[in-house]
């Protein structure tokens, strides 16, 4: 038996605030010649787990940092 879909309620998830376009970054970050420019991401897992891989653009040095709060702000 088919069930009706619930009304879509905005939850705020998936909304990025203060977005800066990638074209807005400095020119020296584009050519990867100046060390010190880092890229980061946040990977959310199951059971309140999260890691943040950080990559230095010139040397490609990578550090993976575990989030102590599981990537969800305000929860303990």
PDB file of N, CA and C in Angstrom:
ATOM      1  N   UNK A   1       0.838  -1.166   0.000  1.00  0.00           N
ATOM      2  CA  UNK A   1       0.000   0.000   0.000  1.00  0.00           C
ATOM      3  C   UNK A   1       0.895   1.246   0.000  1.00  0.00           C
ATOM      4  N   UNK A   2       0.591   2.192  -0.848  1.00  0.00           N
ATOM      5  CA  UNK A   2       1.387   3.414  -0.938  1.00  0.00           C
ATOM      6  C   UNK A   2       1.029   4.370   0.186  1.00  0.00           C
ATOM      7  N   UNK A   3       2.058   5.037   0.670  1.00  0.00           N
ATOM      8  CA  UNK A   3       1.849   6.023   1.723  1.00  0.00           C
ATOM      9  C   UNK A   3       2.202   7.406   1.178  1.00  0.00           C
ATOM     10  N   UNK A   4       1.480   8.437   1.590  1.00  0.00           N
ATOM     11  CA  UNK A   4       1.810   9.780   1.103  1.00  0.00           C
ATOM     12  C   UNK A   4       3.149  10.253   1.661  1.00  0.00           C
ATOM     13  N   UNK A   5       3.861  11.022   0.854  1.00  0.00           N
ATOM     14  CA  UNK A   5       5.122  11.589   1.313  1.00  0.00           C
ATOM     15  C   UNK A   5       4.839  12.667   2.345  1.00  0.00           C
ATOM     16  N   UNK A   6       5.710  12.768   3.313  1.00  0.00           N
ATOM     17  CA  UNK A   6       5.574  13.809   4.317  1.00  0.00           C
ATOM     18  C   UNK A   6       5.894  15.162   3.701  1.00  0.00           C
ATOM     19  N   UNK A   7       5.293  16.174   4.216  1.00  0.00           N
ATOM     20  CA  UNK A   7       5.570  17.519   3.723  1.00  0.00           C
ATOM     21  C   UNK A   7       7.044  17.836   3.951  1.00  0.00           C
ATOM     22  N   UNK A   8       7.672  18.409   2.945  1.00  0.00           N
ATOM     23  CA  UNK A   8       9.091  18.754   3.048  1.00  0.00           C
ATOM     24  C   UNK A   8       9.256  19.951   3.966  1.00  0.00           C
ATOM     25  N   UNK A   9      10.001  19.742   5.032  1.00  0.00           N
ATOM     26  CA  UNK A   9      10.272  20.823   5.975  1.00  0.00           C
ATOM     27  C   UNK A   9      11.754  21.140   5.929  1.00  0.00           C
ATOM     28  N   UNK A  10      12.118  22.391   5.680  1.00  0.00           N
ATOM     29  CA  UNK A  10      13.549  22.723   5.667  1.00  0.00           C
ATOM     30  C   UNK A  10      14.162  22.535   7.049  1.00  0.00           C
ATOM     31  N   UNK A  11      15.291  21.848   7.104  1.00  0.00           N
ATOM     32  CA  UNK A  11      15.945  21.569   8.371  1.00  0.00           C
ATOM     33  C   UNK A  11      17.248  22.340   8.533  1.00  0.00           C
ATOM     34  N   UNK A  12      17.690  22.999   7.472  1.00  0.00           N
ATOM     35  CA  UNK A  12      18.963  23.706   7.538  1.00  0.00           C
ATOM     36  C   UNK A  12      20.141  22.841   7.162  1.00  0.00           C
ATOM     37  N   UNK A  13      19.923  21.561   7.001  1.00  0.00           N
ATOM     38  CA  UNK A  13      21.009  20.669   6.604  1.00  0.00           C
ATOM     39  C   UNK A  13      21.329  20.873   5.132  1.00  0.00           C
ATOM     40  N   UNK A  14      22.593  20.820   4.811  1.00  0.00           N
ATOM     41  CA  UNK A  14      23.022  20.967   3.434  1.00  0.00           C
ATOM     42  C   UNK A  14      23.134  22.409   2.978  1.00  0.00           C
ATOM     43  N   UNK A  15      22.934  23.352   3.876  1.00  0.00           N
ATOM     44  CA  UNK A  15      23.037  24.766   3.533  1.00  0.00           C
ATOM     45  C   UNK A  15      24.399  25.276   3.994  1.00  0.00           C
ATOM     46  N   UNK A  16      25.156  25.815   3.066  1.00  0.00           N
ATOM     47  CA  UNK A  16      26.476  26.341   3.387  1.00  0.00           C
ATOM     48  C   UNK A  16      26.358  27.848   3.503  1.00  0.00           C
ATOM     49  N   UNK A  17      26.724  28.366   4.652  1.00  0.00           N
ATOM     50  CA  UNK A  17      26.637  29.802   4.889  1.00  0.00           C
ATOM     51  C   UNK A  17      27.983  30.459   4.601  1.00  0.00           C
ATOM     52  N   UNK A  18      27.967  31.660   4.084  1.00  0.00           N
ATOM     53  CA  UNK A  18      29.206  32.397   3.819  1.00  0.00           C
ATOM     54  C   UNK A  18      30.031  31.788   2.706  1.00  0.00           C
ATOM     55  N   UNK A  19      29.398  31.311   1.658  1.00  0.00           N
ATOM     56  CA  UNK A  19      30.095  30.641   0.569  1.00  0.00           C
ATOM     57  C   UNK A  19      30.938  31.650  -0.204  1.00  0.00           C
ATOM     58  N   UNK A  20      32.188  31.273  -0.492  1.00  0.00           N
ATOM     59  CA  UNK A  20      33.074  32.077  -1.326  1.00  0.00           C
ATOM     60  C   UNK A  20      33.388  31.240  -2.566  1.00  0.00           C
ATOM     61  N   UNK A  21      33.218  31.835  -3.720  1.00  0.00           N
ATOM     62  CA  UNK A  21      33.470  31.125  -4.971  1.00  0.00           C
ATOM     63  C   UNK A  21      34.933  30.744  -5.084  1.00  0.00           C
ATOM     64  N   UNK A  22      35.210  29.642  -5.758  1.00  0.00           N
ATOM     65  CA  UNK A  22      36.591  29.196  -5.931  1.00  0.00           C
ATOM     66  C   UNK A  22      37.366  30.196  -6.775  1.00  0.00           C
ATOM     67  N   UNK A  23      36.681  30.973  -7.614  1.00  0.00           N
ATOM     68  CA  UNK A  23      37.362  31.989  -8.415  1.00  0.00           C
ATOM     69  C   UNK A  23      37.771  33.191  -7.558  1.00  0.00           C
ATOM     70  N   UNK A  24      37.288  33.259  -6.320  1.00  0.00           N
ATOM     71  CA  UNK A  24      37.625  34.355  -5.426  1.00  0.00           C
ATOM     72  C   UNK A  24      38.916  34.151  -4.656  1.00  0.00           C
ATOM     73  N   UNK A  25      39.582  33.003  -4.809  1.00  0.00           N
ATOM     74  CA  UNK A  25      40.831  32.781  -4.081  1.00  0.00           C
ATOM     75  C   UNK A  25      41.988  33.466  -4.802  1.00  0.00           C
ATOM     76  N   UNK A  26      43.100  33.722  -4.099  1.00  0.00           N
ATOM     77  CA  UNK A  26      44.237  34.442  -4.698  1.00  0.00           C
ATOM     78  C   UNK A  26      44.869  33.670  -5.856  1.00  0.00           C
ATOM     79  N   UNK A  27      45.507  34.400  -6.759  1.00  0.00           N
ATOM     80  CA  UNK A  27      46.135  33.795  -7.940  1.00  0.00           C
ATOM     81  C   UNK A  27      47.272  32.852  -7.556  1.00  0.00           C
ATOM     82  N   UNK A  28      48.032  33.176  -6.493  1.00  0.00           N
ATOM     83  CA  UNK A  28      49.147  32.309  -6.110  1.00  0.00           C
ATOM     84  C   UNK A  28      48.680  30.952  -5.593  1.00  0.00           C
ATOM     85  N   UNK A  29      47.445  30.854  -5.159  1.00  0.00           N
ATOM     86  CA  UNK A  29      46.909  29.559  -4.723  1.00  0.00           C
ATOM     87  C   UNK A  29      46.594  28.678  -5.925  1.00  0.00           C
ATOM     88  N   UNK A  30      46.347  29.290  -7.061  1.00  0.00           N
ATOM     89  CA  UNK A  30      46.002  28.537  -8.271  1.00  0.00           C
ATOM     90  C   UNK A  30      47.181  27.770  -8.851  1.00  0.00           C
ATOM     91  N   UNK A  31      48.383  28.372  -8.841  1.00  0.00           N
ATOM     92  CA  UNK A  31      49.525  27.722  -9.495  1.00  0.00           C
ATOM     93  C   UNK A  31      50.311  26.794  -8.575  1.00  0.00           C
ATOM     94  N   UNK A  32      49.976  26.721  -7.299  1.00  0.00           N
ATOM     95  CA  UNK A  32      50.589  25.813  -6.327  1.00  0.00           C
ATOM     96  C   UNK A  32      52.084  26.024  -6.145  1.00  0.00           C
ATOM     97  N   UNK A  33      52.580  27.224  -6.363  1.00  0.00           N
ATOM     98  CA  UNK A  33      54.004  27.490  -6.206  1.00  0.00           C
ATOM     99  C   UNK A  33      54.340  28.008  -4.809  1.00  0.00           C
ATOM    100  N   UNK A  34      53.398  28.610  -4.139  1.00  0.00           N
ATOM    101  CA  UNK A  34      53.633  29.172  -2.808  1.00  0.00           C
ATOM    102  C   UNK A  34      53.147  28.169  -1.767  1.00  0.00           C
ATOM    103  N   UNK A  35      54.039  27.675  -0.893  1.00  0.00           N
ATOM    104  CA  UNK A  35      53.590  26.724   0.120  1.00  0.00           C
ATOM    105  C   UNK A  35      52.714  27.398   1.174  1.00  0.00           C
ATOM    106  N   UNK A  36      51.879  26.622   1.801  1.00  0.00           N
ATOM    107  CA  UNK A  36      51.055  27.137   2.886  1.00  0.00           C
ATOM    108  C   UNK A  36      49.577  27.214   2.580  1.00  0.00           C
ATOM    109  N   UNK A  37      49.186  26.875   1.356  1.00  0.00           N
ATOM    110  CA  UNK A  37      47.764  26.871   1.022  1.00  0.00           C
ATOM    111  C   UNK A  37      47.218  25.465   1.254  1.00  0.00           C
ATOM    112  N   UNK A  38      46.185  25.373   2.074  1.00  0.00           N
ATOM    113  CA  UNK A  38      45.619  24.093   2.454  1.00  0.00           C
ATOM    114  C   UNK A  38      44.199  23.953   1.928  1.00  0.00           C
ATOM    115  N   UNK A  39      43.817  22.735   1.594  1.00  0.00           N
ATOM    116  CA  UNK A  39      42.440  22.401   1.239  1.00  0.00           C
ATOM    117  C   UNK A  39      41.924  21.450   2.302  1.00  0.00           C
ATOM    118  N   UNK A  40      40.677  21.593   2.658  1.00  0.00           N
ATOM    119  CA  UNK A  40      40.102  20.724   3.674  1.00  0.00           C
ATOM    120  C   UNK A  40      38.706  20.296   3.306  1.00  0.00           C
ATOM    121  N   UNK A  41      38.273  19.241   3.926  1.00  0.00           N
ATOM    122  CA  UNK A  41      36.937  18.717   3.709  1.00  0.00           C
ATOM    123  C   UNK A  41      36.479  18.092   5.021  1.00  0.00           C
ATOM    124  N   UNK A  42      35.209  17.774   5.102  1.00  0.00           N
ATOM    125  CA  UNK A  42      34.675  17.106   6.277  1.00  0.00           C
ATOM    126  C   UNK A  42      33.903  15.886   5.815  1.00  0.00           C
ATOM    127  N   UNK A  43      34.279  14.735   6.314  1.00  0.00           N
ATOM    128  CA  UNK A  43      33.604  13.488   5.961  1.00  0.00           C
ATOM    129  C   UNK A  43      32.869  12.966   7.184  1.00  0.00           C
ATOM    130  N   UNK A  44      31.551  12.919   7.095  1.00  0.00           N
ATOM    131  CA  UNK A  44      30.734  12.419   8.194  1.00  0.00           C
ATOM    132  C   UNK A  44      30.485  10.936   8.011  1.00  0.00           C
ATOM    133  N   UNK A  45      30.649  10.187   9.077  1.00  0.00           N
ATOM    134  CA  UNK A  45      30.411   8.757   9.041  1.00  0.00           C
ATOM    135  C   UNK A  45      29.181   8.391   9.850  1.00  0.00           C
ATOM    136  N   UNK A  46      29.072   7.129  10.148  1.00  0.00           N
ATOM    137  CA  UNK A  46      27.949   6.658  10.950  1.00  0.00           C
ATOM    138  C   UNK A  46      28.304   6.752  12.426  1.00  0.00           C
ATOM    139  N   UNK A  47      27.317   6.650  13.249  1.00  0.00           N
ATOM    140  CA  UNK A  47      27.489   6.665  14.699  1.00  0.00           C
ATOM    141  C   UNK A  47      28.273   7.874  15.203  1.00  0.00           C
ATOM    142  N   UNK A  48      27.915   9.041  14.721  1.00  0.00           N
ATOM    143  CA  UNK A  48      28.505  10.307  15.164  1.00  0.00           C
ATOM    144  C   UNK A  48      30.017  10.350  14.992  1.00  0.00           C
ATOM    145  N   UNK A  49      30.529   9.864  13.884  1.00  0.00           N
ATOM    146  CA  UNK A  49      31.958   9.914  13.616  1.00  0.00           C
ATOM    147  C   UNK A  49      32.205  10.873  12.451  1.00  0.00           C
ATOM    148  N   UNK A  50      33.369  11.516  12.478  1.00  0.00           N
ATOM    149  CA  UNK A  50      33.733  12.437  11.411  1.00  0.00           C
ATOM    150  C   UNK A  50      35.245  12.592  11.367  1.00  0.00           C
ATOM    151  N   UNK A  51      35.780  12.794  10.159  1.00  0.00           N
ATOM    152  CA  UNK A  51      37.190  13.088   9.966  1.00  0.00           C
ATOM    153  C   UNK A  51      37.302  14.270   9.011  1.00  0.00           C
ATOM    154  N   UNK A  52      38.405  15.000   9.138  1.00  0.00           N
ATOM    155  CA  UNK A  52      38.674  16.133   8.267  1.00  0.00           C
ATOM    156  C   UNK A  52      40.027  15.929   7.605  1.00  0.00           C
ATOM    157  N   UNK A  53      40.061  15.543   6.326  1.00  0.00           N
ATOM    158  CA  UNK A  53      41.337  15.442   5.625  1.00  0.00           C
ATOM    159  C   UNK A  53      41.801  16.831   5.190  1.00  0.00           C
ATOM    160  N   UNK A  54      43.060  17.157   5.486  1.00  0.00           N
ATOM    161  CA  UNK A  54      43.654  18.434   5.111  1.00  0.00           C
ATOM    162  C   UNK A  54      44.836  18.153   4.191  1.00  0.00           C
ATOM    163  N   UNK A  55      44.904  18.849   3.049  1.00  0.00           N
ATOM    164  CA  UNK A  55      45.955  18.618   2.062  1.00  0.00           C
ATOM    165  C   UNK A  55      46.652  19.938   1.767  1.00  0.00           C
ATOM    166  N   UNK A  56      47.984  19.952   1.929  1.00  0.00           N
ATOM    167  CA  UNK A  56      48.767  21.121   1.556  1.00  0.00           C
ATOM    168  C   UNK A  56      48.967  21.055   0.054  1.00  0.00           C
ATOM    169  N   UNK A  57      48.605  22.121  -0.655  1.00  0.00           N
ATOM    170  CA  UNK A  57      48.523  22.071  -2.112  1.00  0.00           C
ATOM    171  C   UNK A  57      49.865  21.938  -2.816  1.00  0.00           C
ATOM    172  N   UNK A  58      50.945  22.495  -2.273  1.00  0.00           N
ATOM    173  CA  UNK A  58      52.236  22.432  -2.957  1.00  0.00           C
ATOM    174  C   UNK A  58      52.879  21.059  -2.817  1.00  0.00           C
ATOM    175  N   UNK A  59      53.011  20.582  -1.602  1.00  0.00           N
ATOM    176  CA  UNK A  59      53.706  19.315  -1.356  1.00  0.00           C
ATOM    177  C   UNK A  59      52.786  18.107  -1.365  1.00  0.00           C
ATOM    178  N   UNK A  60      51.463  18.345  -1.331  1.00  0.00           N
ATOM    179  CA  UNK A  60      50.447  17.290  -1.237  1.00  0.00           C
ATOM    180  C   UNK A  60      50.519  16.537   0.091  1.00  0.00           C
ATOM    181  N   UNK A  61      51.169  17.160   1.097  1.00  0.00           N
ATOM    182  CA  UNK A  61      51.198  16.582   2.445  1.00  0.00           C
ATOM    183  C   UNK A  61      49.762  16.494   2.948  1.00  0.00           C
ATOM    184  N   UNK A  62      49.389  15.342   3.459  1.00  0.00           N
ATOM    185  CA  UNK A  62      48.012  15.105   3.888  1.00  0.00           C
ATOM    186  C   UNK A  62      47.977  14.760   5.369  1.00  0.00           C
ATOM    187  N   UNK A  63      47.062  15.388   6.077  1.00  0.00           N
ATOM    188  CA  UNK A  63      46.822  15.090   7.485  1.00  0.00           C
ATOM    189  C   UNK A  63      45.334  14.814   7.647  1.00  0.00           C
ATOM    190  N   UNK A  64      45.023  13.763   8.359  1.00  0.00           N
ATOM    191  CA  UNK A  64      43.618  13.423   8.612  1.00  0.00           C
ATOM    192  C   UNK A  64      43.367  13.635  10.105  1.00  0.00           C
ATOM    193  N   UNK A  65      42.396  14.494  10.396  1.00  0.00           N
ATOM    194  CA  UNK A  65      42.105  14.878  11.774  1.00  0.00           C
ATOM    195  C   UNK A  65      40.741  14.326  12.163  1.00  0.00           C
ATOM    196  N   UNK A  66      40.687  13.682  13.309  1.00  0.00           N
ATOM    197  CA  UNK A  66      39.424  13.157  13.821  1.00  0.00           C
ATOM    198  C   UNK A  66      38.690  14.248  14.576  1.00  0.00           C
ATOM    199  N   UNK A  67      37.414  14.385  14.319  1.00  0.00           N
ATOM    200  CA  UNK A  67      36.618  15.386  15.013  1.00  0.00           C
ATOM    201  C   UNK A  67      36.153  14.831  16.359  1.00  0.00           C
ATOM    202  N   UNK A  68      36.414  15.545  17.452  1.00  0.00           N
ATOM    203  CA  UNK A  68      36.011  15.034  18.763  1.00  0.00           C
ATOM    204  C   UNK A  68      34.501  15.038  18.975  1.00  0.00           C
ATOM    205  N   UNK A  69      33.776  15.905  18.249  1.00  0.00           N
ATOM    206  CA  UNK A  69      32.329  15.966  18.410  1.00  0.00           C
ATOM    207  C   UNK A  69      31.584  15.192  17.335  1.00  0.00           C
ATOM    208  N   UNK A  70      32.290  14.524  16.475  1.00  0.00           N
ATOM    209  CA  UNK A  70      31.618  13.778  15.424  1.00  0.00           C
ATOM    210  C   UNK A  70      31.106  14.653  14.312  1.00  0.00           C
ATOM    211  N   UNK A  71      31.609  15.885  14.197  1.00  0.00           N
ATOM    212  CA  UNK A  71      31.242  16.754  13.108  1.00  0.00           C
ATOM    213  C   UNK A  71      29.911  17.462  13.273  1.00  0.00           C
ATOM    214  N   UNK A  72      29.275  17.270  14.420  1.00  0.00           N
ATOM    215  CA  UNK A  72      27.983  17.892  14.637  1.00  0.00           C
ATOM    216  C   UNK A  72      28.134  18.927  15.744  1.00  0.00           C
ATOM    217  N   UNK A  73      28.059  20.175  15.385  1.00  0.00           N
ATOM    218  CA  UNK A  73      28.276  21.234  16.371  1.00  0.00           C
ATOM    219  C   UNK A  73      27.131  21.275  17.375  1.00  0.00           C
ATOM    220  N   UNK A  74      27.468  21.563  18.584  1.00  0.00           N
ATOM    221  CA  UNK A  74      26.467  21.710  19.631  1.00  0.00           C
ATOM    222  C   UNK A  74      26.111  20.429  20.362  1.00  0.00           C
ATOM    223  N   UNK A  75      26.573  19.285  19.873  1.00  0.00           N
ATOM    224  CA  UNK A  75      26.266  18.017  20.556  1.00  0.00           C
ATOM    225  C   UNK A  75      27.458  17.599  21.387  1.00  0.00           C
ATOM    226  N   UNK A  76      27.215  16.863  22.426  1.00  0.00           N
ATOM    227  CA  UNK A  76      28.310  16.356  23.253  1.00  0.00           C
ATOM    228  C   UNK A  76      28.179  14.881  23.461  1.00  0.00           C
TER     229      UNK A  76
END
